[in-house]
Amino acid sequence: MTTILLDRPFDKEQLTKVYSLDLRNLDKKIWPQILEKCNAAKIHFYHIKLDSLDGIEKLHTTTSLVLEWATKISGLTPVFKMNQLTHLDIIDFPKISNIAGISSLINIEQ
């Protein structure tokens, strides 16, 4: 797994060529680039500073997703549109009180 600190300069080509990414310090400035370029099958987002995960369903090649530490996000509806997911971990989302819709992820194995 390749770790990228998104709040520092990094080679954006890594988003298109690396199979497994650990992306840290995700904010609204870099989010559109992640959605446009990321082809990783396995992604771990750590320290998510976004208000919403809108658009995450555009990550069509991602089958394993870990979402960790997001204090502003209150809904996961966009994640539940990622029908290709086989693995999903949601960690430290204090504003999430409802996971209605998770049953739409019919390929989840873990």
N, C-alpha and C. Protein backbone atom coordinates (compact mmCIF):
# COMPACT_ATOMS: atom_id res chain seq x y z
N MET A 1 0.85 -1.18 0.00
CA MET A 1 0.00 0.00 0.00
C MET A 1 0.89 1.24 0.00
N THR A 2 0.58 2.17 -0.88
CA THR A 2 1.33 3.41 -0.99
C THR A 2 0.59 4.50 -0.21
N THR A 3 1.28 5.16 0.69
CA THR A 3 0.70 6.25 1.48
C THR A 3 1.00 7.58 0.80
N ILE A 4 -0.03 8.40 0.66
CA ILE A 4 0.12 9.75 0.10
C ILE A 4 -0.50 10.75 1.06
N LEU A 5 0.28 11.74 1.45
CA LEU A 5 -0.23 12.84 2.27
C LEU A 5 -0.75 13.89 1.30
N LEU A 6 -2.06 14.01 1.21
CA LEU A 6 -2.69 14.85 0.21
C LEU A 6 -2.55 16.34 0.47
N ASP A 7 -2.13 16.71 1.67
CA ASP A 7 -1.93 18.13 1.98
C ASP A 7 -0.50 18.57 1.70
N ARG A 8 0.26 17.73 1.01
CA ARG A 8 1.63 18.04 0.60
C ARG A 8 1.77 17.72 -0.88
N PRO A 9 2.75 18.31 -1.54
CA PRO A 9 2.95 17.99 -2.96
C PRO A 9 3.21 16.49 -3.16
N PHE A 10 2.61 15.92 -4.19
CA PHE A 10 2.82 14.50 -4.50
C PHE A 10 2.64 14.29 -6.00
N ASP A 11 3.14 13.18 -6.48
CA ASP A 11 3.03 12.83 -7.89
C ASP A 11 1.61 12.32 -8.17
N LYS A 12 0.82 13.11 -8.86
CA LYS A 12 -0.59 12.77 -9.13
C LYS A 12 -0.72 11.51 -9.99
N GLU A 13 0.35 11.16 -10.69
CA GLU A 13 0.31 9.95 -11.50
C GLU A 13 0.16 8.69 -10.64
N GLN A 14 0.56 8.78 -9.37
CA GLN A 14 0.38 7.64 -8.46
C GLN A 14 -1.09 7.25 -8.34
N LEU A 15 -1.97 8.23 -8.47
CA LEU A 15 -3.41 7.96 -8.36
C LEU A 15 -3.89 7.02 -9.46
N THR A 16 -3.24 7.06 -10.60
CA THR A 16 -3.68 6.26 -11.74
C THR A 16 -2.96 4.92 -11.83
N LYS A 17 -1.82 4.78 -11.16
CA LYS A 17 -0.99 3.60 -11.38
C LYS A 17 -0.84 2.66 -10.19
N VAL A 18 -1.25 3.07 -9.01
CA VAL A 18 -1.04 2.25 -7.82
C VAL A 18 -2.30 1.46 -7.50
N TYR A 19 -2.14 0.17 -7.21
CA TYR A 19 -3.25 -0.74 -6.93
C TYR A 19 -3.90 -0.48 -5.57
N SER A 20 -3.08 -0.10 -4.58
CA SER A 20 -3.55 0.05 -3.20
C SER A 20 -3.02 1.37 -2.64
N LEU A 21 -3.94 2.25 -2.23
CA LEU A 21 -3.56 3.58 -1.76
C LEU A 21 -4.07 3.86 -0.35
N ASP A 22 -3.23 4.52 0.42
CA ASP A 22 -3.58 5.06 1.73
C ASP A 22 -3.51 6.57 1.56
N LEU A 23 -4.67 7.20 1.43
CA LEU A 23 -4.75 8.64 1.15
C LEU A 23 -5.14 9.38 2.42
N ARG A 24 -4.27 10.29 2.84
CA ARG A 24 -4.46 10.97 4.12
C ARG A 24 -4.66 12.47 3.96
N ASN A 25 -5.49 13.03 4.83
CA ASN A 25 -5.76 14.47 4.86
C ASN A 25 -6.53 14.93 3.62
N LEU A 26 -7.62 14.27 3.36
CA LEU A 26 -8.46 14.53 2.20
C LEU A 26 -9.31 15.77 2.42
N ASP A 27 -9.17 16.75 1.51
CA ASP A 27 -9.99 17.96 1.63
C ASP A 27 -10.64 18.29 0.28
N LYS A 28 -11.46 19.33 0.27
CA LYS A 28 -12.25 19.65 -0.92
C LYS A 28 -11.41 20.13 -2.09
N LYS A 29 -10.19 20.60 -1.85
CA LYS A 29 -9.34 21.04 -2.95
C LYS A 29 -8.86 19.86 -3.79
N ILE A 30 -8.53 18.76 -3.16
CA ILE A 30 -7.98 17.60 -3.87
C ILE A 30 -9.06 16.59 -4.27
N TRP A 31 -10.23 16.65 -3.65
CA TRP A 31 -11.29 15.67 -3.89
C TRP A 31 -11.63 15.51 -5.38
N PRO A 32 -11.83 16.59 -6.15
CA PRO A 32 -12.15 16.40 -7.57
C PRO A 32 -11.06 15.64 -8.34
N GLN A 33 -9.81 15.87 -7.99
CA GLN A 33 -8.71 15.16 -8.66
C GLN A 33 -8.72 13.68 -8.30
N ILE A 34 -9.03 13.37 -7.06
CA ILE A 34 -9.13 11.97 -6.64
C ILE A 34 -10.23 11.28 -7.44
N LEU A 35 -11.38 11.91 -7.53
CA LEU A 35 -12.51 11.33 -8.25
C LEU A 35 -12.23 11.14 -9.73
N GLU A 36 -11.47 12.05 -10.30
CA GLU A 36 -11.17 12.00 -11.73
C GLU A 36 -10.07 10.99 -12.08
N LYS A 37 -9.04 10.90 -11.23
CA LYS A 37 -7.85 10.15 -11.62
C LYS A 37 -7.63 8.82 -10.91
N CYS A 38 -8.22 8.62 -9.76
CA CYS A 38 -7.88 7.45 -8.96
C CYS A 38 -8.43 6.17 -9.57
N ASN A 39 -7.54 5.19 -9.74
CA ASN A 39 -7.90 3.88 -10.30
C ASN A 39 -7.61 2.75 -9.33
N ALA A 40 -7.28 3.05 -8.10
CA ALA A 40 -6.89 2.01 -7.15
C ALA A 40 -8.05 1.08 -6.81
N ALA A 41 -7.74 -0.20 -6.69
CA ALA A 41 -8.74 -1.18 -6.28
C ALA A 41 -8.97 -1.13 -4.78
N LYS A 42 -7.91 -0.80 -4.03
CA LYS A 42 -8.01 -0.70 -2.58
C LYS A 42 -7.63 0.71 -2.15
N ILE A 43 -8.55 1.34 -1.43
CA ILE A 43 -8.31 2.70 -0.95
C ILE A 43 -8.63 2.79 0.53
N HIS A 44 -7.73 3.42 1.27
CA HIS A 44 -7.95 3.76 2.66
C HIS A 44 -7.86 5.28 2.74
N PHE A 45 -9.00 5.92 3.00
CA PHE A 45 -9.03 7.37 3.23
C PHE A 45 -8.93 7.59 4.73
N TYR A 46 -7.94 8.35 5.14
CA TYR A 46 -7.73 8.64 6.57
C TYR A 46 -7.70 10.15 6.77
N HIS A 47 -8.42 10.65 7.75
CA HIS A 47 -8.58 12.06 8.06
C HIS A 47 -9.26 12.77 6.89
N ILE A 48 -10.54 12.53 6.82
CA ILE A 48 -11.38 13.07 5.75
C ILE A 48 -11.96 14.40 6.23
N LYS A 49 -11.55 15.48 5.59
CA LYS A 49 -11.96 16.82 6.02
C LYS A 49 -13.13 17.36 5.20
N LEU A 50 -13.76 16.51 4.44
CA LEU A 50 -14.89 16.90 3.59
C LEU A 50 -16.17 16.99 4.41
N ASP A 51 -17.15 17.73 3.87
CA ASP A 51 -18.48 17.78 4.47
C ASP A 51 -19.36 16.64 3.97
N SER A 52 -18.97 16.07 2.83
CA SER A 52 -19.77 15.03 2.18
C SER A 52 -18.87 14.17 1.31
N LEU A 53 -19.30 12.95 1.07
CA LEU A 53 -18.57 12.05 0.16
C LEU A 53 -19.23 12.02 -1.22
N ASP A 54 -19.97 13.05 -1.56
CA ASP A 54 -20.62 13.12 -2.87
C ASP A 54 -19.61 12.89 -3.98
N GLY A 55 -19.94 12.01 -4.88
CA GLY A 55 -19.08 11.71 -6.02
C GLY A 55 -18.24 10.46 -5.84
N ILE A 56 -18.15 9.94 -4.63
CA ILE A 56 -17.29 8.78 -4.38
C ILE A 56 -17.68 7.58 -5.25
N GLU A 57 -18.94 7.53 -5.66
CA GLU A 57 -19.39 6.42 -6.49
C GLU A 57 -18.72 6.43 -7.87
N LYS A 58 -18.02 7.51 -8.22
CA LYS A 58 -17.27 7.57 -9.48
C LYS A 58 -16.00 6.71 -9.43
N LEU A 59 -15.62 6.24 -8.27
CA LEU A 59 -14.43 5.40 -8.13
C LEU A 59 -14.81 3.95 -8.49
N HIS A 60 -15.08 3.71 -9.75
CA HIS A 60 -15.61 2.44 -10.25
C HIS A 60 -14.66 1.26 -10.06
N THR A 61 -13.37 1.51 -10.02
CA THR A 61 -12.41 0.41 -9.92
C THR A 61 -12.13 0.01 -8.47
N THR A 62 -12.66 0.76 -7.53
CA THR A 62 -12.41 0.48 -6.11
C THR A 62 -13.34 -0.62 -5.61
N THR A 63 -12.73 -1.70 -5.11
CA THR A 63 -13.52 -2.81 -4.56
C THR A 63 -13.36 -2.94 -3.05
N SER A 64 -12.31 -2.34 -2.52
CA SER A 64 -12.06 -2.37 -1.07
C SER A 64 -11.88 -0.94 -0.59
N LEU A 65 -12.72 -0.53 0.37
CA LEU A 65 -12.72 0.85 0.82
C LEU A 65 -12.72 0.92 2.34
N VAL A 66 -11.77 1.69 2.87
CA VAL A 66 -11.73 1.99 4.30
C VAL A 66 -11.87 3.49 4.44
N LEU A 67 -12.83 3.91 5.22
CA LEU A 67 -13.07 5.33 5.52
C LEU A 67 -12.83 5.53 7.00
N GLU A 68 -11.86 6.38 7.33
CA GLU A 68 -11.50 6.53 8.74
C GLU A 68 -11.30 7.99 9.11
N TRP A 69 -11.95 8.39 10.18
CA TRP A 69 -11.83 9.69 10.83
C TRP A 69 -12.36 10.82 9.98
N ALA A 70 -13.68 10.99 10.07
CA ALA A 70 -14.37 12.06 9.35
C ALA A 70 -15.36 12.70 10.31
N THR A 71 -15.01 13.84 10.85
CA THR A 71 -15.84 14.47 11.88
C THR A 71 -16.97 15.32 11.33
N LYS A 72 -16.98 15.63 10.03
CA LYS A 72 -18.01 16.50 9.45
C LYS A 72 -19.09 15.73 8.69
N ILE A 73 -18.81 14.53 8.27
CA ILE A 73 -19.74 13.79 7.40
C ILE A 73 -20.87 13.18 8.22
N SER A 74 -22.10 13.42 7.75
CA SER A 74 -23.27 12.92 8.48
C SER A 74 -24.08 11.90 7.68
N GLY A 75 -23.68 11.63 6.44
CA GLY A 75 -24.41 10.66 5.63
C GLY A 75 -23.49 9.86 4.73
N LEU A 76 -23.88 8.62 4.47
CA LEU A 76 -23.05 7.72 3.65
C LEU A 76 -23.75 7.29 2.36
N THR A 77 -24.81 7.95 1.98
CA THR A 77 -25.57 7.56 0.79
C THR A 77 -24.69 7.40 -0.45
N PRO A 78 -23.73 8.30 -0.72
CA PRO A 78 -22.88 8.10 -1.91
C PRO A 78 -22.07 6.80 -1.86
N VAL A 79 -21.63 6.41 -0.69
CA VAL A 79 -20.87 5.16 -0.53
C VAL A 79 -21.76 3.96 -0.87
N PHE A 80 -23.01 4.03 -0.49
CA PHE A 80 -23.93 2.92 -0.72
C PHE A 80 -24.30 2.76 -2.20
N LYS A 81 -23.82 3.65 -3.06
CA LYS A 81 -24.00 3.53 -4.51
C LYS A 81 -22.83 2.80 -5.16
N MET A 82 -21.83 2.42 -4.36
CA MET A 82 -20.63 1.74 -4.89
C MET A 82 -20.87 0.23 -4.91
N ASN A 83 -21.70 -0.22 -5.84
CA ASN A 83 -22.13 -1.61 -5.89
C ASN A 83 -21.00 -2.61 -6.11
N GLN A 84 -19.87 -2.15 -6.59
CA GLN A 84 -18.75 -3.05 -6.85
C GLN A 84 -17.96 -3.40 -5.58
N LEU A 85 -18.23 -2.72 -4.47
CA LEU A 85 -17.47 -2.96 -3.24
C LEU A 85 -17.64 -4.38 -2.72
N THR A 86 -16.51 -4.98 -2.36
CA THR A 86 -16.53 -6.29 -1.70
C THR A 86 -16.09 -6.17 -0.25
N HIS A 87 -15.48 -5.04 0.10
CA HIS A 87 -14.98 -4.79 1.46
C HIS A 87 -15.23 -3.33 1.82
N LEU A 88 -15.80 -3.10 2.99
CA LEU A 88 -16.05 -1.73 3.46
C LEU A 88 -15.85 -1.66 4.96
N ASP A 89 -14.99 -0.73 5.37
CA ASP A 89 -14.81 -0.41 6.79
C ASP A 89 -15.11 1.06 6.97
N ILE A 90 -15.90 1.38 7.99
CA ILE A 90 -16.22 2.76 8.34
C ILE A 90 -15.82 2.94 9.80
N ILE A 91 -14.86 3.83 10.03
CA ILE A 91 -14.27 3.98 11.37
C ILE A 91 -14.27 5.45 11.77
N ASP A 92 -14.73 5.73 12.97
CA ASP A 92 -14.66 7.07 13.57
C ASP A 92 -15.37 8.13 12.73
N PHE A 93 -16.67 7.94 12.56
CA PHE A 93 -17.56 8.91 11.92
C PHE A 93 -18.59 9.32 12.97
N PRO A 94 -18.26 10.24 13.87
CA PRO A 94 -19.13 10.53 15.01
C PRO A 94 -20.52 11.08 14.65
N LYS A 95 -20.69 11.66 13.47
CA LYS A 95 -22.00 12.22 13.10
C LYS A 95 -22.91 11.22 12.40
N ILE A 96 -22.42 10.02 12.13
CA ILE A 96 -23.25 9.01 11.47
C ILE A 96 -24.11 8.32 12.51
N SER A 97 -25.42 8.39 12.29
CA SER A 97 -26.33 7.72 13.21
C SER A 97 -27.23 6.72 12.48
N ASN A 98 -27.13 6.70 11.15
CA ASN A 98 -28.02 5.86 10.36
C ASN A 98 -27.24 5.28 9.18
N ILE A 99 -27.30 3.98 9.01
CA ILE A 99 -26.64 3.36 7.86
C ILE A 99 -27.67 2.72 6.92
N ALA A 100 -28.87 3.27 6.93
CA ALA A 100 -29.90 2.80 6.00
C ALA A 100 -29.35 2.93 4.59
N GLY A 101 -29.50 1.88 3.82
CA GLY A 101 -28.99 1.87 2.46
C GLY A 101 -27.81 0.94 2.28
N ILE A 102 -27.21 0.52 3.39
CA ILE A 102 -26.04 -0.35 3.28
C ILE A 102 -26.40 -1.68 2.62
N SER A 103 -27.65 -2.08 2.71
CA SER A 103 -28.06 -3.35 2.11
C SER A 103 -27.98 -3.34 0.59
N SER A 104 -27.83 -2.16 -0.01
CA SER A 104 -27.68 -2.08 -1.46
C SER A 104 -26.30 -2.56 -1.92
N LEU A 105 -25.37 -2.72 -1.00
CA LEU A 105 -24.03 -3.21 -1.31
C LEU A 105 -24.05 -4.73 -1.32
N ILE A 106 -24.55 -5.29 -2.39
CA ILE A 106 -24.82 -6.74 -2.44
C ILE A 106 -23.57 -7.59 -2.62
N ASN A 107 -22.44 -7.00 -2.96
CA ASN A 107 -21.21 -7.77 -3.17
C ASN A 107 -20.29 -7.77 -1.96
N ILE A 108 -20.70 -7.14 -0.87
CA ILE A 108 -19.85 -7.06 0.32
C ILE A 108 -19.59 -8.47 0.87
N GLU A 109 -18.33 -8.76 1.06
CA GLU A 109 -17.91 -10.03 1.66
C GLU A 109 -17.43 -9.81 3.08
N GLN A 110 -16.94 -8.62 3.34
CA GLN A 110 -16.40 -8.30 4.67
C GLN A 110 -16.64 -6.84 4.97
